[in-house]
Each structure stands twice: as C-alpha cells, then as structure tokens.
C-alpha cells in the first residue's frame, strides 16, 4: 500500500468515526486552550472542522494546480474561520456532521487527484507566526487529515 492509499484509509476512517458520533447536544466546553485562551464545546469544534476542511482542500488544490506555492489564511480566511467556530452551534448537529462528511469526501476527491510527486511539492505555509517551508504532504498532515483527527479526539475527550 502506498502513501496516498494510507492517507485515503485515514480519511475513510475519519468519515466513519465522525459519522458514528452520538448526536446528543453540545456538552460543556473543554479546558482553556493555552495558545488561544478559548474554551470550545462540541459545536465550536464541529463548526471549525466543517469550515476548515473545504478551505484547506481548496488551498492544496490551488498549489497543486499551479496557482503559486503559498498557502494560508489572510484576514478574510481568519474571519471565515472565526465565523465557523462561532456559528457552529447555530447550524445544528446533523447539519454540521453532514458538512464534515462532505468536507472529508472533498479530501478523498483531492487525494484521488494527487500522485506521489504532488506530495513532495514544496509550499510556503503562511501562518500568523510567520512563514514556514513545507510540502503538500506536510500540509495534508498539519492542516487537513491530522487536523481533523486531532479535532475528533478533542470531541471524544469532551465526552460526546
């Protein structure tokens, strides 16, 4: 099994695990995030995941498609992120979980369009802490697949 197959298997597992989450309310917020000072409940997390999956999928597609070698959030992207977090609870659990599933389907479609050479492609990741050199592989891990896995663990730790 190749690296792209491994990535696809991880995303398929995420679809199953997010899809199997109980739909039993937002619960209490988790502990304060040391970096941001925020406390997120399940609605915040799902809202963020529902927003970030299509955003970062589009960023990777743009880089791989020849739209430059830089990716990241500008002020508009940061505002969209914040809106996803804040509006998550208003969207309702079923709607959010449907959007997460659609986002993961989008990641699978992206992976189907990539080859091994794409994974090695160099990118510049522009973050609030400055620019970092990375690869498409690194950004799939940091901003998409690994990110979605981390938030799934976060939801599970919140007891939902």
C-alpha atoms as a PDB file:
ATOM      1  CA  UNK A   1       0.000   0.000   0.000  1.00  0.00           C
ATOM      2  CA  UNK A   2       1.398   3.425  -0.974  1.00  0.00           C
ATOM      3  CA  UNK A   3       1.388   6.666   0.919  1.00  0.00           C
ATOM      4  CA  UNK A   4      -1.680   8.025  -0.877  1.00  0.00           C
ATOM      5  CA  UNK A   5      -3.525   4.795  -0.063  1.00  0.00           C
ATOM      6  CA  UNK A   6      -2.591   5.249   3.610  1.00  0.00           C
ATOM      7  CA  UNK A   7      -3.877   8.829   3.567  1.00  0.00           C
ATOM      8  CA  UNK A   8      -7.119   7.731   1.913  1.00  0.00           C
ATOM      9  CA  UNK A   9      -7.584   4.997   4.531  1.00  0.00           C
ATOM     10  CA  UNK A  10      -7.159   7.574   7.308  1.00  0.00           C
ATOM     11  CA  UNK A  11      -9.773   9.855   5.735  1.00  0.00           C
ATOM     12  CA  UNK A  12     -12.193   6.948   5.247  1.00  0.00           C
ATOM     13  CA  UNK A  13     -11.729   6.066   8.933  1.00  0.00           C
ATOM     14  CA  UNK A  14     -12.436   9.696   9.852  1.00  0.00           C
ATOM     15  CA  UNK A  15     -15.682   9.614   7.855  1.00  0.00           C
ATOM     16  CA  UNK A  16     -16.793   6.520   9.747  1.00  0.00           C
ATOM     17  CA  UNK A  17     -15.796   7.910  13.142  1.00  0.00           C
ATOM     18  CA  UNK A  18     -17.326  11.361  12.662  1.00  0.00           C
ATOM     19  CA  UNK A  19     -20.447   9.686  11.259  1.00  0.00           C
ATOM     20  CA  UNK A  20     -20.712   7.444  14.324  1.00  0.00           C
ATOM     21  CA  UNK A  21     -20.563  10.296  16.838  1.00  0.00           C
ATOM     22  CA  UNK A  22     -23.675  10.412  19.008  1.00  0.00           C
ATOM     23  CA  UNK A  23     -25.959  13.347  18.387  1.00  0.00           C
ATOM     24  CA  UNK A  24     -26.623  14.301  21.962  1.00  0.00           C
ATOM     25  CA  UNK A  25     -26.027  18.017  22.310  1.00  0.00           C
ATOM     26  CA  UNK A  26     -23.144  20.388  22.648  1.00  0.00           C
ATOM     27  CA  UNK A  27     -21.980  19.441  26.130  1.00  0.00           C
ATOM     28  CA  UNK A  28     -19.747  21.560  28.287  1.00  0.00           C
ATOM     29  CA  UNK A  29     -16.761  23.462  26.925  1.00  0.00           C
ATOM     30  CA  UNK A  30     -13.405  21.782  27.298  1.00  0.00           C
ATOM     31  CA  UNK A  31     -10.400  23.228  29.081  1.00  0.00           C
ATOM     32  CA  UNK A  32      -8.922  26.580  28.108  1.00  0.00           C
ATOM     33  CA  UNK A  33      -6.576  26.353  25.141  1.00  0.00           C
ATOM     34  CA  UNK A  34      -3.245  27.715  26.330  1.00  0.00           C
ATOM     35  CA  UNK A  35      -2.433  29.238  22.946  1.00  0.00           C
ATOM     36  CA  UNK A  36      -5.748  30.997  22.227  1.00  0.00           C
ATOM     37  CA  UNK A  37      -7.420  31.317  25.624  1.00  0.00           C
ATOM     38  CA  UNK A  38     -10.617  29.873  24.112  1.00  0.00           C
ATOM     39  CA  UNK A  39     -12.879  27.151  25.513  1.00  0.00           C
ATOM     40  CA  UNK A  40     -14.659  25.162  22.833  1.00  0.00           C
ATOM     41  CA  UNK A  41     -17.659  22.898  23.190  1.00  0.00           C
ATOM     42  CA  UNK A  42     -18.592  20.278  20.623  1.00  0.00           C
ATOM     43  CA  UNK A  43     -20.483  22.785  18.459  1.00  0.00           C
ATOM     44  CA  UNK A  44     -17.443  25.026  18.200  1.00  0.00           C
ATOM     45  CA  UNK A  45     -15.224  22.092  17.226  1.00  0.00           C
ATOM     46  CA  UNK A  46     -17.650  20.756  14.621  1.00  0.00           C
ATOM     47  CA  UNK A  47     -18.186  24.260  13.230  1.00  0.00           C
ATOM     48  CA  UNK A  48     -14.437  24.689  12.859  1.00  0.00           C
ATOM     49  CA  UNK A  49     -13.942  21.283  11.211  1.00  0.00           C
ATOM     50  CA  UNK A  50     -16.860  21.899   8.823  1.00  0.00           C
ATOM     51  CA  UNK A  51     -15.258  25.194   7.760  1.00  0.00           C
ATOM     52  CA  UNK A  52     -11.589  24.186   7.685  1.00  0.00           C
ATOM     53  CA  UNK A  53     -11.882  21.034   5.554  1.00  0.00           C
ATOM     54  CA  UNK A  54     -13.091  22.768   2.359  1.00  0.00           C
ATOM     55  CA  UNK A  55     -10.836  25.777   2.996  1.00  0.00           C
ATOM     56  CA  UNK A  56      -7.603  23.746   3.210  1.00  0.00           C
ATOM     57  CA  UNK A  57      -8.694  21.350   0.456  1.00  0.00           C
ATOM     58  CA  UNK A  58      -9.060  24.365  -1.862  1.00  0.00           C
ATOM     59  CA  UNK A  59      -5.680  25.711  -0.740  1.00  0.00           C
ATOM     60  CA  UNK A  60      -3.934  22.425  -1.600  1.00  0.00           C
ATOM     61  CA  UNK A  61      -5.784  22.197  -4.934  1.00  0.00           C
ATOM     62  CA  UNK A  62      -4.669  25.714  -5.844  1.00  0.00           C
ATOM     63  CA  UNK A  63      -0.993  24.964  -5.102  1.00  0.00           C
ATOM     64  CA  UNK A  64      -1.036  21.614  -6.925  1.00  0.00           C
ATOM     65  CA  UNK A  65      -2.903  23.177  -9.846  1.00  0.00           C
ATOM     66  CA  UNK A  66      -0.177  25.748 -10.395  1.00  0.00           C
ATOM     67  CA  UNK A  67      -1.732  28.677  -8.540  1.00  0.00           C
ATOM     68  CA  UNK A  68       1.522  29.520  -6.780  1.00  0.00           C
ATOM     69  CA  UNK A  69       3.464  27.919  -3.992  1.00  0.00           C
ATOM     70  CA  UNK A  70       1.980  29.734  -0.977  1.00  0.00           C
ATOM     71  CA  UNK A  71      -0.983  28.796   1.157  1.00  0.00           C
ATOM     72  CA  UNK A  72      -2.544  30.065   4.350  1.00  0.00           C
ATOM     73  CA  UNK A  73      -5.221  32.299   5.775  1.00  0.00           C
ATOM     74  CA  UNK A  74      -5.337  36.013   5.159  1.00  0.00           C
ATOM     75  CA  UNK A  75      -7.627  38.344   7.146  1.00  0.00           C
ATOM     76  CA  UNK A  76     -10.702  37.125   5.231  1.00  0.00           C
ATOM     77  CA  UNK A  77      -9.706  33.497   5.827  1.00  0.00           C
ATOM     78  CA  UNK A  78      -9.259  34.162   9.541  1.00  0.00           C
ATOM     79  CA  UNK A  79     -12.685  35.820   9.682  1.00  0.00           C
ATOM     80  CA  UNK A  80     -14.237  32.772   7.953  1.00  0.00           C
ATOM     81  CA  UNK A  81     -12.516  30.510  10.499  1.00  0.00           C
ATOM     82  CA  UNK A  82     -13.901  32.548  13.393  1.00  0.00           C
ATOM     83  CA  UNK A  83     -17.396  32.547  11.868  1.00  0.00           C
ATOM     84  CA  UNK A  84     -17.267  28.750  11.500  1.00  0.00           C
ATOM     85  CA  UNK A  85     -16.361  28.374  15.167  1.00  0.00           C
ATOM     86  CA  UNK A  86     -18.896  30.885  16.440  1.00  0.00           C
ATOM     87  CA  UNK A  87     -21.775  29.812  14.193  1.00  0.00           C
ATOM     88  CA  UNK A  88     -21.270  26.088  14.717  1.00  0.00           C
ATOM     89  CA  UNK A  89     -23.919  25.753  17.384  1.00  0.00           C
ATOM     90  CA  UNK A  90     -26.497  27.563  15.254  1.00  0.00           C
ATOM     91  CA  UNK A  91     -26.084  25.108  12.383  1.00  0.00           C
ATOM     92  CA  UNK A  92     -27.310  22.110  14.391  1.00  0.00           C
ATOM     93  CA  UNK A  93     -25.527  18.802  14.911  1.00  0.00           C
ATOM     94  CA  UNK A  94     -26.934  17.000  11.879  1.00  0.00           C
ATOM     95  CA  UNK A  95     -26.088  19.895   9.570  1.00  0.00           C
ATOM     96  CA  UNK A  96     -22.570  20.192  10.928  1.00  0.00           C
ATOM     97  CA  UNK A  97     -21.892  16.467  10.733  1.00  0.00           C
ATOM     98  CA  UNK A  98     -23.225  16.445   7.158  1.00  0.00           C
ATOM     99  CA  UNK A  99     -20.848  19.309   6.282  1.00  0.00           C
ATOM    100  CA  UNK A 100     -17.935  17.497   7.944  1.00  0.00           C
ATOM    101  CA  UNK A 101     -18.741  14.391   5.894  1.00  0.00           C
ATOM    102  CA  UNK A 102     -18.903  16.486   2.700  1.00  0.00           C
ATOM    103  CA  UNK A 103     -15.568  18.062   3.624  1.00  0.00           C
ATOM    104  CA  UNK A 104     -13.979  14.654   4.146  1.00  0.00           C
ATOM    105  CA  UNK A 105     -15.429  13.496   0.809  1.00  0.00           C
ATOM    106  CA  UNK A 106     -13.716  16.529  -0.713  1.00  0.00           C
ATOM    107  CA  UNK A 107     -10.406  15.473   0.851  1.00  0.00           C
ATOM    108  CA  UNK A 108     -10.844  11.992  -0.652  1.00  0.00           C
ATOM    109  CA  UNK A 109     -11.510  13.536  -4.076  1.00  0.00           C
ATOM    110  CA  UNK A 110      -8.376  15.660  -3.686  1.00  0.00           C
ATOM    111  CA  UNK A 111      -6.296  12.599  -2.775  1.00  0.00           C
ATOM    112  CA  UNK A 112      -7.646  10.767  -5.839  1.00  0.00           C
ATOM    113  CA  UNK A 113      -6.289  13.593  -7.997  1.00  0.00           C
ATOM    114  CA  UNK A 114      -2.794  13.596  -6.445  1.00  0.00           C
ATOM    115  CA  UNK A 115       0.234  11.495  -7.249  1.00  0.00           C
ATOM    116  CA  UNK A 116       3.408  10.828  -5.277  1.00  0.00           C
ATOM    117  CA  UNK A 117       5.226  13.764  -6.909  1.00  0.00           C
ATOM    118  CA  UNK A 118       2.471  16.130  -5.699  1.00  0.00           C
ATOM    119  CA  UNK A 119       3.124  15.076  -2.108  1.00  0.00           C
ATOM    120  CA  UNK A 120       6.717  16.249  -2.419  1.00  0.00           C
ATOM    121  CA  UNK A 121       5.821  19.628  -3.915  1.00  0.00           C
ATOM    122  CA  UNK A 122       7.294  22.474  -1.862  1.00  0.00           C
ATOM    123  CA  UNK A 123       4.916  25.075  -0.413  1.00  0.00           C
ATOM    124  CA  UNK A 124       5.197  28.135   1.770  1.00  0.00           C
ATOM    125  CA  UNK A 125       2.708  27.999   4.627  1.00  0.00           C
ATOM    126  CA  UNK A 126       1.767  31.487   5.790  1.00  0.00           C
ATOM    127  CA  UNK A 127       0.668  31.415   9.406  1.00  0.00           C
ATOM    128  CA  UNK A 128       0.081  34.119  11.997  1.00  0.00           C
ATOM    129  CA  UNK A 129       3.518  33.218  13.395  1.00  0.00           C
ATOM    130  CA  UNK A 130       5.200  33.816  10.049  1.00  0.00           C
ATOM    131  CA  UNK A 131       6.078  31.755   7.000  1.00  0.00           C
ATOM    132  CA  UNK A 132       7.203  28.132   7.102  1.00  0.00           C
ATOM    133  CA  UNK A 133       8.569  25.971   4.310  1.00  0.00           C
ATOM    134  CA  UNK A 134       6.628  22.749   3.952  1.00  0.00           C
ATOM    135  CA  UNK A 135       5.393  20.244   1.395  1.00  0.00           C
ATOM    136  CA  UNK A 136       1.951  19.249   0.204  1.00  0.00           C
ATOM    137  CA  UNK A 137       2.433  16.097   2.315  1.00  0.00           C
ATOM    138  CA  UNK A 138       3.164  18.246   5.378  1.00  0.00           C
ATOM    139  CA  UNK A 139       0.123  20.417   4.822  1.00  0.00           C
ATOM    140  CA  UNK A 140      -2.152  17.411   4.300  1.00  0.00           C
ATOM    141  CA  UNK A 141      -0.972  16.216   7.696  1.00  0.00           C
ATOM    142  CA  UNK A 142      -0.929  19.549   9.529  1.00  0.00           C
ATOM    143  CA  UNK A 143      -3.946  21.330   8.074  1.00  0.00           C
ATOM    144  CA  UNK A 144      -6.254  18.583   6.817  1.00  0.00           C
ATOM    145  CA  UNK A 145      -6.005  14.939   7.849  1.00  0.00           C
ATOM    146  CA  UNK A 146      -4.007  15.230  11.061  1.00  0.00           C
ATOM    147  CA  UNK A 147      -6.009  18.326  11.967  1.00  0.00           C
ATOM    148  CA  UNK A 148      -9.336  16.505  11.528  1.00  0.00           C
ATOM    149  CA  UNK A 149      -8.000  13.555  13.550  1.00  0.00           C
ATOM    150  CA  UNK A 150      -6.961  15.891  16.362  1.00  0.00           C
ATOM    151  CA  UNK A 151     -10.379  17.512  16.498  1.00  0.00           C
ATOM    152  CA  UNK A 152     -12.081  14.094  16.508  1.00  0.00           C
ATOM    153  CA  UNK A 153     -10.018  13.226  19.619  1.00  0.00           C
ATOM    154  CA  UNK A 154     -10.994  16.581  21.097  1.00  0.00           C
ATOM    155  CA  UNK A 155     -14.700  15.810  20.610  1.00  0.00           C
ATOM    156  CA  UNK A 156     -14.242  12.354  22.094  1.00  0.00           C
ATOM    157  CA  UNK A 157     -12.476  13.880  25.126  1.00  0.00           C
ATOM    158  CA  UNK A 158     -15.394  16.281  25.561  1.00  0.00           C
ATOM    159  CA  UNK A 159     -17.480  13.180  26.186  1.00  0.00           C
ATOM    160  CA  UNK A 160     -19.660  13.333  23.111  1.00  0.00           C
END
